[in-house]
Amino acid sequence: MSGANAHTVDQPISGAPKLPSEVVEPTRSNTAPQQGSTQPGSGSAVHETTGAQSTEQPHLSFKEQVIGVAQKTRGTVLNKPDLKEHGEQVLAGNAPAVKPGHE
């Protein structure tokens, strides 16, 4: 490597941008990093919500929810109101996920 374009690690290419650590001193902070928040405040307090979200719904398993939605959809598509009604009852928690005799 001889000539005008020869350089070493200690001699950076002229015109190349400098690294930020060569321009300014690194900074350190003694405070904890800021946490993101979608509401005012520090984010450490839990706010209660009231209204339609706080109504008591029976806890259905995922399988029961799938069966209820499937029955409701199938009843609508095939024009079977009794099947649609049963699917709605399953989702409301008022009926078993499987009709008697259809295990």
PDB file of N, CA and C in Angstrom:
ATOM      1  N   MET A   1       0.834  -1.166   0.000  1.00  0.00           N
ATOM      2  CA  MET A   1       0.000   0.000   0.000  1.00  0.00           C
ATOM      3  C   MET A   1       0.881   1.231   0.000  1.00  0.00           C
ATOM      4  N   SER A   2       1.137   1.706  -1.129  1.00  0.00           N
ATOM      5  CA  SER A   2       1.921   2.927  -1.211  1.00  0.00           C
ATOM      6  C   SER A   2       1.155   3.925  -2.043  1.00  0.00           C
ATOM      7  N   GLY A   3       1.503   5.138  -1.920  1.00  0.00           N
ATOM      8  CA  GLY A   3       0.856   6.158  -2.716  1.00  0.00           C
ATOM      9  C   GLY A   3       0.084   7.124  -1.853  1.00  0.00           C
ATOM     10  N   ALA A   4      -0.696   7.964  -2.500  1.00  0.00           N
ATOM     11  CA  ALA A   4      -1.410   9.036  -1.809  1.00  0.00           C
ATOM     12  C   ALA A   4      -2.612   8.515  -1.027  1.00  0.00           C
ATOM     13  N   ASN A   5      -3.179   7.390  -1.419  1.00  0.00           N
ATOM     14  CA  ASN A   5      -4.382   6.884  -0.759  1.00  0.00           C
ATOM     15  C   ASN A   5      -4.079   5.941   0.395  1.00  0.00           C
ATOM     16  N   ALA A   6      -2.831   5.710   0.712  1.00  0.00           N
ATOM     17  CA  ALA A   6      -2.470   4.804   1.794  1.00  0.00           C
ATOM     18  C   ALA A   6      -2.769   5.471   3.135  1.00  0.00           C
ATOM     19  N   HIS A   7      -3.385   4.702   4.032  1.00  0.00           N
ATOM     20  CA  HIS A   7      -3.666   5.217   5.368  1.00  0.00           C
ATOM     21  C   HIS A   7      -3.622   4.062   6.363  1.00  0.00           C
ATOM     22  N   THR A   8      -3.528   4.385   7.628  1.00  0.00           N
ATOM     23  CA  THR A   8      -3.515   3.369   8.670  1.00  0.00           C
ATOM     24  C   THR A   8      -4.711   3.603   9.567  1.00  0.00           C
ATOM     25  N   VAL A   9      -4.848   2.743  10.554  1.00  0.00           N
ATOM     26  CA  VAL A   9      -5.959   2.872  11.490  1.00  0.00           C
ATOM     27  C   VAL A   9      -5.856   4.182  12.257  1.00  0.00           C
ATOM     28  N   ASP A  10      -4.643   4.615  12.572  1.00  0.00           N
ATOM     29  CA  ASP A  10      -4.448   5.854  13.316  1.00  0.00           C
ATOM     30  C   ASP A  10      -4.701   7.087  12.467  1.00  0.00           C
ATOM     31  N   GLN A  11      -4.698   6.946  11.179  1.00  0.00           N
ATOM     32  CA  GLN A  11      -4.908   8.075  10.281  1.00  0.00           C
ATOM     33  C   GLN A  11      -6.226   7.870   9.535  1.00  0.00           C
ATOM     34  N   PRO A  12      -7.323   8.465  10.016  1.00  0.00           N
ATOM     35  CA  PRO A  12      -8.608   8.270   9.345  1.00  0.00           C
ATOM     36  C   PRO A  12      -8.618   8.906   7.965  1.00  0.00           C
ATOM     37  N   ILE A  13      -9.494   8.411   7.127  1.00  0.00           N
ATOM     38  CA  ILE A  13      -9.655   8.955   5.786  1.00  0.00           C
ATOM     39  C   ILE A  13     -10.165  10.381   5.915  1.00  0.00           C
ATOM     40  N   SER A  14      -9.559  11.291   5.177  1.00  0.00           N
ATOM     41  CA  SER A  14     -10.000  12.679   5.259  1.00  0.00           C
ATOM     42  C   SER A  14     -11.407  12.794   4.686  1.00  0.00           C
ATOM     43  N   GLY A  15     -12.242  13.580   5.321  1.00  0.00           N
ATOM     44  CA  GLY A  15     -13.615  13.783   4.874  1.00  0.00           C
ATOM     45  C   GLY A  15     -14.595  12.786   5.478  1.00  0.00           C
ATOM     46  N   ALA A  16     -14.094  11.758   6.175  1.00  0.00           N
ATOM     47  CA  ALA A  16     -14.992  10.784   6.796  1.00  0.00           C
ATOM     48  C   ALA A  16     -15.594  11.397   8.056  1.00  0.00           C
ATOM     49  N   PRO A  17     -16.841  11.119   8.346  1.00  0.00           N
ATOM     50  CA  PRO A  17     -17.447  11.689   9.553  1.00  0.00           C
ATOM     51  C   PRO A  17     -16.801  11.106  10.807  1.00  0.00           C
ATOM     52  N   LYS A  18     -16.731  11.938  11.840  1.00  0.00           N
ATOM     53  CA  LYS A  18     -16.153  11.497  13.100  1.00  0.00           C
ATOM     54  C   LYS A  18     -17.216  10.758  13.902  1.00  0.00           C
ATOM     55  N   LEU A  19     -16.747   9.860  14.740  1.00  0.00           N
ATOM     56  CA  LEU A  19     -17.649   9.151  15.631  1.00  0.00           C
ATOM     57  C   LEU A  19     -18.154  10.104  16.707  1.00  0.00           C
ATOM     58  N   PRO A  20     -19.368   9.922  17.197  1.00  0.00           N
ATOM     59  CA  PRO A  20     -19.877  10.806  18.250  1.00  0.00           C
ATOM     60  C   PRO A  20     -18.988  10.814  19.485  1.00  0.00           C
ATOM     61  N   SER A  21     -18.379   9.679  19.806  1.00  0.00           N
ATOM     62  CA  SER A  21     -17.513   9.636  20.984  1.00  0.00           C
ATOM     63  C   SER A  21     -16.243  10.454  20.797  1.00  0.00           C
ATOM     64  N   GLU A  22     -15.892  10.779  19.560  1.00  0.00           N
ATOM     65  CA  GLU A  22     -14.730  11.623  19.302  1.00  0.00           C
ATOM     66  C   GLU A  22     -15.093  13.103  19.365  1.00  0.00           C
ATOM     67  N   VAL A  23     -16.366  13.422  19.235  1.00  0.00           N
ATOM     68  CA  VAL A  23     -16.805  14.813  19.193  1.00  0.00           C
ATOM     69  C   VAL A  23     -17.178  15.316  20.582  1.00  0.00           C
ATOM     70  N   VAL A  24     -17.942  14.522  21.345  1.00  0.00           N
ATOM     71  CA  VAL A  24     -18.407  14.940  22.667  1.00  0.00           C
ATOM     72  C   VAL A  24     -18.114  13.841  23.678  1.00  0.00           C
ATOM     73  N   GLU A  25     -18.099  14.237  24.940  1.00  0.00           N
ATOM     74  CA  GLU A  25     -17.888  13.275  26.013  1.00  0.00           C
ATOM     75  C   GLU A  25     -19.180  12.490  26.252  1.00  0.00           C
ATOM     76  N   PRO A  26     -19.073  11.218  26.565  1.00  0.00           N
ATOM     77  CA  PRO A  26     -20.280  10.452  26.885  1.00  0.00           C
ATOM     78  C   PRO A  26     -20.935  10.991  28.152  1.00  0.00           C
ATOM     79  N   THR A  27     -22.243  10.923  28.219  1.00  0.00           N
ATOM     80  CA  THR A  27     -22.969  11.399  29.394  1.00  0.00           C
ATOM     81  C   THR A  27     -23.545  10.211  30.152  1.00  0.00           C
ATOM     82  N   ARG A  28     -23.683  10.384  31.438  1.00  0.00           N
ATOM     83  CA  ARG A  28     -24.279   9.370  32.301  1.00  0.00           C
ATOM     84  C   ARG A  28     -25.387  10.036  33.095  1.00  0.00           C
ATOM     85  N   SER A  29     -26.438   9.285  33.343  1.00  0.00           N
ATOM     86  CA  SER A  29     -27.557   9.816  34.108  1.00  0.00           C
ATOM     87  C   SER A  29     -27.738   8.978  35.361  1.00  0.00           C
ATOM     88  N   ASN A  30     -28.034   9.633  36.479  1.00  0.00           N
ATOM     89  CA  ASN A  30     -28.259   8.930  37.734  1.00  0.00           C
ATOM     90  C   ASN A  30     -29.724   8.576  37.943  1.00  0.00           C
ATOM     91  N   THR A  31     -30.598   9.005  37.041  1.00  0.00           N
ATOM     92  CA  THR A  31     -32.020   8.735  37.201  1.00  0.00           C
ATOM     93  C   THR A  31     -32.419   7.521  36.372  1.00  0.00           C
ATOM     94  N   ALA A  32     -33.504   6.892  36.794  1.00  0.00           N
ATOM     95  CA  ALA A  32     -34.017   5.733  36.065  1.00  0.00           C
ATOM     96  C   ALA A  32     -34.566   6.183  34.719  1.00  0.00           C
ATOM     97  N   PRO A  33     -34.519   5.328  33.710  1.00  0.00           N
ATOM     98  CA  PRO A  33     -35.057   5.717  32.412  1.00  0.00           C
ATOM     99  C   PRO A  33     -36.562   5.960  32.502  1.00  0.00           C
ATOM    100  N   GLN A  34     -37.039   6.895  31.724  1.00  0.00           N
ATOM    101  CA  GLN A  34     -38.451   7.248  31.744  1.00  0.00           C
ATOM    102  C   GLN A  34     -39.268   6.133  31.105  1.00  0.00           C
ATOM    103  N   GLN A  35     -40.371   5.802  31.741  1.00  0.00           N
ATOM    104  CA  GLN A  35     -41.254   4.773  31.216  1.00  0.00           C
ATOM    105  C   GLN A  35     -42.325   5.420  30.359  1.00  0.00           C
ATOM    106  N   GLY A  36     -42.715   4.767  29.293  1.00  0.00           N
ATOM    107  CA  GLY A  36     -43.761   5.290  28.424  1.00  0.00           C
ATOM    108  C   GLY A  36     -45.109   5.228  29.121  1.00  0.00           C
ATOM    109  N   SER A  37     -45.978   6.161  28.835  1.00  0.00           N
ATOM    110  CA  SER A  37     -47.290   6.202  29.461  1.00  0.00           C
ATOM    111  C   SER A  37     -48.299   6.733  28.467  1.00  0.00           C
ATOM    112  N   THR A  38     -49.506   6.173  28.511  1.00  0.00           N
ATOM    113  CA  THR A  38     -50.559   6.658  27.626  1.00  0.00           C
ATOM    114  C   THR A  38     -51.527   7.574  28.348  1.00  0.00           C
ATOM    115  N   GLN A  39     -51.353   7.716  29.665  1.00  0.00           N
ATOM    116  CA  GLN A  39     -52.214   8.589  30.448  1.00  0.00           C
ATOM    117  C   GLN A  39     -51.340   9.466  31.331  1.00  0.00           C
ATOM    118  N   PRO A  40     -51.893  10.586  31.796  1.00  0.00           N
ATOM    119  CA  PRO A  40     -51.110  11.452  32.678  1.00  0.00           C
ATOM    120  C   PRO A  40     -50.712  10.731  33.959  1.00  0.00           C
ATOM    121  N   GLY A  41     -49.621  11.133  34.525  1.00  0.00           N
ATOM    122  CA  GLY A  41     -49.159  10.544  35.774  1.00  0.00           C
ATOM    123  C   GLY A  41     -47.918   9.704  35.551  1.00  0.00           C
ATOM    124  N   SER A  42     -47.459   9.109  36.627  1.00  0.00           N
ATOM    125  CA  SER A  42     -46.225   8.329  36.551  1.00  0.00           C
ATOM    126  C   SER A  42     -46.445   6.940  35.980  1.00  0.00           C
ATOM    127  N   GLY A  43     -47.679   6.489  35.953  1.00  0.00           N
ATOM    128  CA  GLY A  43     -47.965   5.163  35.441  1.00  0.00           C
ATOM    129  C   GLY A  43     -47.906   4.095  36.510  1.00  0.00           C
ATOM    130  N   SER A  44     -47.592   4.477  37.752  1.00  0.00           N
ATOM    131  CA  SER A  44     -47.491   3.488  38.818  1.00  0.00           C
ATOM    132  C   SER A  44     -48.835   3.214  39.484  1.00  0.00           C
ATOM    133  N   ALA A  45     -49.817   4.090  39.301  1.00  0.00           N
ATOM    134  CA  ALA A  45     -51.130   3.904  39.913  1.00  0.00           C
ATOM    135  C   ALA A  45     -52.084   3.266  38.914  1.00  0.00           C
ATOM    136  N   VAL A  46     -52.922   2.346  39.421  1.00  0.00           N
ATOM    137  CA  VAL A  46     -53.925   1.700  38.580  1.00  0.00           C
ATOM    138  C   VAL A  46     -55.233   2.453  38.758  1.00  0.00           C
ATOM    139  N   HIS A  47     -55.795   2.911  37.654  1.00  0.00           N
ATOM    140  CA  HIS A  47     -57.035   3.663  37.704  1.00  0.00           C
ATOM    141  C   HIS A  47     -58.207   2.724  37.462  1.00  0.00           C
ATOM    142  N   GLU A  48     -59.236   2.842  38.295  1.00  0.00           N
ATOM    143  CA  GLU A  48     -60.423   2.015  38.109  1.00  0.00           C
ATOM    144  C   GLU A  48     -61.247   2.568  36.964  1.00  0.00           C
ATOM    145  N   THR A  49     -61.813   1.671  36.198  1.00  0.00           N
ATOM    146  CA  THR A  49     -62.711   2.084  35.128  1.00  0.00           C
ATOM    147  C   THR A  49     -64.121   1.705  35.533  1.00  0.00           C
ATOM    148  N   THR A  50     -65.050   2.578  35.234  1.00  0.00           N
ATOM    149  CA  THR A  50     -66.447   2.301  35.538  1.00  0.00           C
ATOM    150  C   THR A  50     -67.242   2.382  34.254  1.00  0.00           C
ATOM    151  N   GLY A  51     -68.411   1.815  34.292  1.00  0.00           N
ATOM    152  CA  GLY A  51     -69.261   1.869  33.112  1.00  0.00           C
ATOM    153  C   GLY A  51     -69.529   0.493  32.555  1.00  0.00           C
ATOM    154  N   ALA A  52     -69.668   0.415  31.249  1.00  0.00           N
ATOM    155  CA  ALA A  52     -70.049  -0.826  30.589  1.00  0.00           C
ATOM    156  C   ALA A  52     -68.997  -1.916  30.766  1.00  0.00           C
ATOM    157  N   GLN A  53     -67.764  -1.553  30.996  1.00  0.00           N
ATOM    158  CA  GLN A  53     -66.711  -2.545  31.119  1.00  0.00           C
ATOM    159  C   GLN A  53     -66.794  -3.321  32.422  1.00  0.00           C
ATOM    160  N   SER A  54     -67.436  -2.781  33.437  1.00  0.00           N
ATOM    161  CA  SER A  54     -67.449  -3.426  34.738  1.00  0.00           C
ATOM    162  C   SER A  54     -68.634  -4.364  34.935  1.00  0.00           C
ATOM    163  N   THR A  55     -69.424  -4.625  33.902  1.00  0.00           N
ATOM    164  CA  THR A  55     -70.539  -5.551  34.047  1.00  0.00           C
ATOM    165  C   THR A  55     -70.008  -6.961  34.207  1.00  0.00           C
ATOM    166  N   GLU A  56     -70.669  -7.731  35.053  1.00  0.00           N
ATOM    167  CA  GLU A  56     -70.232  -9.095  35.318  1.00  0.00           C
ATOM    168  C   GLU A  56     -70.598 -10.001  34.160  1.00  0.00           C
ATOM    169  N   GLN A  57     -69.606 -10.606  33.565  1.00  0.00           N
ATOM    170  CA  GLN A  57     -69.796 -11.564  32.490  1.00  0.00           C
ATOM    171  C   GLN A  57     -69.326 -12.919  33.005  1.00  0.00           C
ATOM    172  N   PRO A  58     -70.046 -13.988  32.688  1.00  0.00           N
ATOM    173  CA  PRO A  58     -69.558 -15.296  33.108  1.00  0.00           C
ATOM    174  C   PRO A  58     -68.270 -15.631  32.359  1.00  0.00           C
ATOM    175  N   HIS A  59     -67.351 -16.273  33.052  1.00  0.00           N
ATOM    176  CA  HIS A  59     -66.084 -16.623  32.401  1.00  0.00           C
ATOM    177  C   HIS A  59     -66.286 -17.898  31.605  1.00  0.00           C
ATOM    178  N   LEU A  60     -66.126 -17.787  30.310  1.00  0.00           N
ATOM    179  CA  LEU A  60     -66.237 -18.933  29.424  1.00  0.00           C
ATOM    180  C   LEU A  60     -64.848 -19.331  28.966  1.00  0.00           C
ATOM    181  N   SER A  61     -64.657 -20.630  28.823  1.00  0.00           N
ATOM    182  CA  SER A  61     -63.379 -21.072  28.275  1.00  0.00           C
ATOM    183  C   SER A  61     -63.317 -20.683  26.803  1.00  0.00           C
ATOM    184  N   PHE A  62     -62.124 -20.716  26.253  1.00  0.00           N
ATOM    185  CA  PHE A  62     -61.956 -20.371  24.842  1.00  0.00           C
ATOM    186  C   PHE A  62     -62.790 -21.308  23.975  1.00  0.00           C
ATOM    187  N   LYS A  63     -62.804 -22.583  24.328  1.00  0.00           N
ATOM    188  CA  LYS A  63     -63.564 -23.574  23.561  1.00  0.00           C
ATOM    189  C   LYS A  63     -65.058 -23.239  23.578  1.00  0.00           C
ATOM    190  N   GLU A  64     -65.586 -22.868  24.748  1.00  0.00           N
ATOM    191  CA  GLU A  64     -67.008 -22.509  24.840  1.00  0.00           C
ATOM    192  C   GLU A  64     -67.313 -21.258  24.018  1.00  0.00           C
ATOM    193  N   GLN A  65     -66.411 -20.293  24.032  1.00  0.00           N
ATOM    194  CA  GLN A  65     -66.614 -19.082  23.234  1.00  0.00           C
ATOM    195  C   GLN A  65     -66.628 -19.404  21.750  1.00  0.00           C
ATOM    196  N   VAL A  66     -65.709 -20.268  21.315  1.00  0.00           N
ATOM    197  CA  VAL A  66     -65.650 -20.643  19.901  1.00  0.00           C
ATOM    198  C   VAL A  66     -66.924 -21.366  19.497  1.00  0.00           C
ATOM    199  N   ILE A  67     -67.388 -22.285  20.341  1.00  0.00           N
ATOM    200  CA  ILE A  67     -68.616 -23.028  20.029  1.00  0.00           C
ATOM    201  C   ILE A  67     -69.803 -22.081  19.965  1.00  0.00           C
ATOM    202  N   GLY A  68     -69.906 -21.161  20.915  1.00  0.00           N
ATOM    203  CA  GLY A  68     -71.016 -20.209  20.922  1.00  0.00           C
ATOM    204  C   GLY A  68     -71.036 -19.330  19.686  1.00  0.00           C
ATOM    205  N   VAL A  69     -69.886 -18.788  19.317  1.00  0.00           N
ATOM    206  CA  VAL A  69     -69.808 -17.929  18.127  1.00  0.00           C
ATOM    207  C   VAL A  69     -70.088 -18.744  16.872  1.00  0.00           C
ATOM    208  N   ALA A  70     -69.565 -19.982  16.823  1.00  0.00           N
ATOM    209  CA  ALA A  70     -69.796 -20.827  15.649  1.00  0.00           C
ATOM    210  C   ALA A  70     -71.276 -21.164  15.496  1.00  0.00           C
ATOM    211  N   GLN A  71     -71.943 -21.487  16.602  1.00  0.00           N
ATOM    212  CA  GLN A  71     -73.372 -21.801  16.530  1.00  0.00           C
ATOM    213  C   GLN A  71     -74.180 -20.577  16.126  1.00  0.00           C
ATOM    214  N   LYS A  72     -73.829 -19.445  16.669  1.00  0.00           N
ATOM    215  CA  LYS A  72     -74.541 -18.211  16.327  1.00  0.00           C
ATOM    216  C   LYS A  72     -74.359 -17.885  14.843  1.00  0.00           C
ATOM    217  N   THR A  73     -73.142 -18.004  14.349  1.00  0.00           N
ATOM    218  CA  THR A  73     -72.862 -17.722  12.938  1.00  0.00           C
ATOM    219  C   THR A  73     -73.548 -18.730  12.035  1.00  0.00           C
ATOM    220  N   ARG A  74     -73.454 -20.012  12.394  1.00  0.00           N
ATOM    221  CA  ARG A  74     -74.073 -21.059  11.572  1.00  0.00           C
ATOM    222  C   ARG A  74     -75.586 -20.896  11.545  1.00  0.00           C
ATOM    223  N   GLY A  75     -76.173 -20.560  12.690  1.00  0.00           N
ATOM    224  CA  GLY A  75     -77.617 -20.341  12.735  1.00  0.00           C
ATOM    225  C   GLY A  75     -78.042 -19.176  11.864  1.00  0.00           C
ATOM    226  N   THR A  76     -77.218 -18.132  11.813  1.00  0.00           N
ATOM    227  CA  THR A  76     -77.522 -16.973  10.972  1.00  0.00           C
ATOM    228  C   THR A  76     -77.393 -17.325   9.495  1.00  0.00           C
ATOM    229  N   VAL A  77     -76.298 -17.991   9.128  1.00  0.00           N
ATOM    230  CA  VAL A  77     -76.035 -18.304   7.725  1.00  0.00           C
ATOM    231  C   VAL A  77     -77.043 -19.311   7.180  1.00  0.00           C
ATOM    232  N   LEU A  78     -77.369 -20.327   7.977  1.00  0.00           N
ATOM    233  CA  LEU A  78     -78.276 -21.381   7.517  1.00  0.00           C
ATOM    234  C   LEU A  78     -79.739 -21.090   7.833  1.00  0.00           C
ATOM    235  N   ASN A  79     -80.008 -19.893   8.353  1.00  0.00           N
ATOM    236  CA  ASN A  79     -81.369 -19.478   8.698  1.00  0.00           C
ATOM    237  C   ASN A  79     -82.018 -20.460   9.670  1.00  0.00           C
ATOM    238  N   LYS A  80     -81.294 -20.767  10.747  1.00  0.00           N
ATOM    239  CA  LYS A  80     -81.797 -21.643  11.810  1.00  0.00           C
ATOM    240  C   LYS A  80     -81.833 -20.831  13.104  1.00  0.00           C
ATOM    241  N   PRO A  81     -82.971 -20.196  13.388  1.00  0.00           N
ATOM    242  CA  PRO A  81     -83.042 -19.318  14.562  1.00  0.00           C
ATOM    243  C   PRO A  81     -82.796 -20.042  15.884  1.00  0.00           C
ATOM    244  N   ASP A  82     -83.187 -21.325  15.989  1.00  0.00           N
ATOM    245  CA  ASP A  82     -82.970 -22.046  17.243  1.00  0.00           C
ATOM    246  C   ASP A  82     -81.473 -22.258  17.516  1.00  0.00           C
ATOM    247  N   LEU A  83     -80.696 -22.536  16.472  1.00  0.00           N
ATOM    248  CA  LEU A  83     -79.254 -22.705  16.630  1.00  0.00           C
ATOM    249  C   LEU A  83     -78.587 -21.367  16.962  1.00  0.00           C
ATOM    250  N   LYS A  84     -79.045 -20.307  16.315  1.00  0.00           N
ATOM    251  CA  LYS A  84     -78.508 -18.972  16.594  1.00  0.00           C
ATOM    252  C   LYS A  84     -78.806 -18.584  18.036  1.00  0.00           C
ATOM    253  N   GLU A  85     -80.019 -18.833  18.498  1.00  0.00           N
ATOM    254  CA  GLU A  85     -80.414 -18.516  19.873  1.00  0.00           C
ATOM    255  C   GLU A  85     -79.580 -19.321  20.870  1.00  0.00           C
ATOM    256  N   HIS A  86     -79.353 -20.598  20.566  1.00  0.00           N
ATOM    257  CA  HIS A  86     -78.537 -21.420  21.470  1.00  0.00           C
ATOM    258  C   HIS A  86     -77.106 -20.874  21.544  1.00  0.00           C
ATOM    259  N   GLY A  87     -76.551 -20.452  20.414  1.00  0.00           N
ATOM    260  CA  GLY A  87     -75.214 -19.856  20.418  1.00  0.00           C
ATOM    261  C   GLY A  87     -75.158 -18.597  21.267  1.00  0.00           C
ATOM    262  N   GLU A  88     -76.196 -17.771  21.187  1.00  0.00           N
ATOM    263  CA  GLU A  88     -76.259 -16.559  22.013  1.00  0.00           C
ATOM    264  C   GLU A  88     -76.360 -16.918  23.492  1.00  0.00           C
ATOM    265  N   GLN A  89     -77.133 -17.967  23.806  1.00  0.00           N
ATOM    266  CA  GLN A  89     -77.272 -18.407  25.196  1.00  0.00           C
ATOM    267  C   GLN A  89     -75.942 -18.950  25.736  1.00  0.00           C
ATOM    268  N   VAL A  90     -75.194 -19.656  24.887  1.00  0.00           N
ATOM    269  CA  VAL A  90     -73.877 -20.162  25.297  1.00  0.00           C
ATOM    270  C   VAL A  90     -72.956 -18.990  25.614  1.00  0.00           C
ATOM    271  N   LEU A  91     -72.954 -17.975  24.762  1.00  0.00           N
ATOM    272  CA  LEU A  91     -72.095 -16.809  24.988  1.00  0.00           C
ATOM    273  C   LEU A  91     -72.509 -16.033  26.232  1.00  0.00           C
ATOM    274  N   ALA A  92     -73.792 -16.065  26.561  1.00  0.00           N
ATOM    275  CA  ALA A  92     -74.273 -15.385  27.764  1.00  0.00           C
ATOM    276  C   ALA A  92     -74.014 -16.216  29.017  1.00  0.00           C
ATOM    277  N   GLY A  93     -73.635 -17.496  28.831  1.00  0.00           N
ATOM    278  CA  GLY A  93     -73.369 -18.363  29.978  1.00  0.00           C
ATOM    279  C   GLY A  93     -74.606 -19.032  30.518  1.00  0.00           C
ATOM    280  N   ASN A  94     -75.719 -18.995  29.770  1.00  0.00           N
ATOM    281  CA  ASN A  94     -76.982 -19.556  30.235  1.00  0.00           C
ATOM    282  C   ASN A  94     -77.250 -20.957  29.710  1.00  0.00           C
ATOM    283  N   ALA A  95     -76.410 -21.484  28.846  1.00  0.00           N
ATOM    284  CA  ALA A  95     -76.624 -22.807  28.265  1.00  0.00           C
ATOM    285  C   ALA A  95     -75.279 -23.499  28.109  1.00  0.00           C
ATOM    286  N   PRO A  96     -75.297 -24.845  28.140  1.00  0.00           N
ATOM    287  CA  PRO A  96     -74.032 -25.558  27.918  1.00  0.00           C
ATOM    288  C   PRO A  96     -73.571 -25.387  26.477  1.00  0.00           C
ATOM    289  N   ALA A  97     -72.284 -25.548  26.254  1.00  0.00           N
ATOM    290  CA  ALA A  97     -71.731 -25.338  24.918  1.00  0.00           C
ATOM    291  C   ALA A  97     -72.200 -26.393  23.929  1.00  0.00           C
ATOM    292  N   VAL A  98     -72.600 -27.564  24.426  1.00  0.00           N
ATOM    293  CA  VAL A  98     -73.059 -28.637  23.548  1.00  0.00           C
ATOM    294  C   VAL A  98     -74.519 -28.917  23.865  1.00  0.00           C
ATOM    295  N   LYS A  99     -75.340 -28.974  22.836  1.00  0.00           N
ATOM    296  CA  LYS A  99     -76.747 -29.294  23.042  1.00  0.00           C
ATOM    297  C   LYS A  99     -76.873 -30.722  23.569  1.00  0.00           C
ATOM    298  N   PRO A 100     -77.883 -31.011  24.387  1.00  0.00           N
ATOM    299  CA  PRO A 100     -78.084 -32.385  24.848  1.00  0.00           C
ATOM    300  C   PRO A 100     -78.297 -33.312  23.656  1.00  0.00           C
ATOM    301  N   GLY A 101     -77.608 -34.452  23.658  1.00  0.00           N
ATOM    302  CA  GLY A 101     -77.720 -35.406  22.565  1.00  0.00           C
ATOM    303  C   GLY A 101     -76.720 -35.173  21.458  1.00  0.00           C
ATOM    304  N   HIS A 102     -75.924 -34.101  21.519  1.00  0.00           N
ATOM    305  CA  HIS A 102     -74.936 -33.800  20.475  1.00  0.00           C
ATOM    306  C   HIS A 102     -73.525 -33.797  21.048  1.00  0.00           C
ATOM    307  N   GLU A 103     -73.145 -34.843  21.779  1.00  0.00           N
ATOM    308  CA  GLU A 103     -71.810 -34.852  22.372  1.00  0.00           C
ATOM    309  C   GLU A 103     -70.823 -35.324  21.416  1.00  0.00           C
TER     310      GLU A 103
END
